[in-house]
């Protein structure tokens, strides 16, 4: 009997199934102190089961699955497990569906249900569709920890066919310390794919040595301290540079004010004694404006270089950026010279 025949010709019609699944077990449930479902709960479960059958017939597998799972919270019968498995199968969750079928088959056999043959046929048909994935160790991965779709594999699973669902799968290979790499596998329904794990050479983007098995690909991930990290250095240097330029403007304004006072009251190079303090301040402001200007120019220039070149990422000490800069002033303090190598 085919699965379709089972759904059409089974002694359980939509309403009859709901009654047989839940109603027929109601006396036993009432007698069991560990499962005291009320009549209201049973009626609700029957209604959910009927809704699930309707959604299943309409091809709305996700919604039907949700209904059957709600029914299962009240009572998990072989029929409920079968329909749950059928929904999972249609949603591509083949391994989960196979587990539902196997449990339904076992329980139907224990209870002597007439639908055992149809459930067995559904289980056998699904087993032939489930793909397999074989993961083998290659060069540099002899002692690595291997994860498949986020679950670590035991040593006994390496090199053995693993039942997986059709589609892409992610393999993470942890080499120890902070080093790991990922390798992917695309598995088709009813196929067996093999992937050979090969550690990439230091600094390489792809592994060397034997090529991965069919459907496999890899990418290097360095999670250690050697990976470049974003740095605040360009922002700090740039901030100092901007502050220097602002300071230069302020000091230049103060210098201009002092110079104006001296120009108004001095005759040539001769100034009244009372303006001695103003003259000293003018010299100080002149020096500070030049120094601030130099700091500002250098800071902004260095920050711009770091942003443009990408050197704003922290690197190992051996490749640290060196920026020798020399700032000199004219004897009068009115000119600044900046020399540097980038």
Foldseek 3Di string as FASTA:
>chain_A
DELVCCQVVPPQDLLNVLCVQQVVCVVVQCVDPVQNDDPVLSVVLSVLSSVLVVCVVVVVLVSSLVSLVSSVVRPDALVSLQSNLVSCVSVQVLVSSLVSLVVSLVRCVVVVPPCNVNSVVVNVVSVQFFEWEAEEEDALQPPWFKDKQRHTDDPVRHRPTDGDTAAKIKMWTGNDDQWIKIKMAGIGTNYYWYFYDADQDVPDQFRDDDHTTPRMGMGTDGRDPQDWDAACVLVVLQVLLVVLQVLLVVLVVLLVVLVVVCVVAADVPRHDPVSPVSVVSNQVSLLSSLVSNQSNVVSNVVSVCCVVVVLSIDHPPVPHDDKDKDWDADPSSNDIDIDIDD
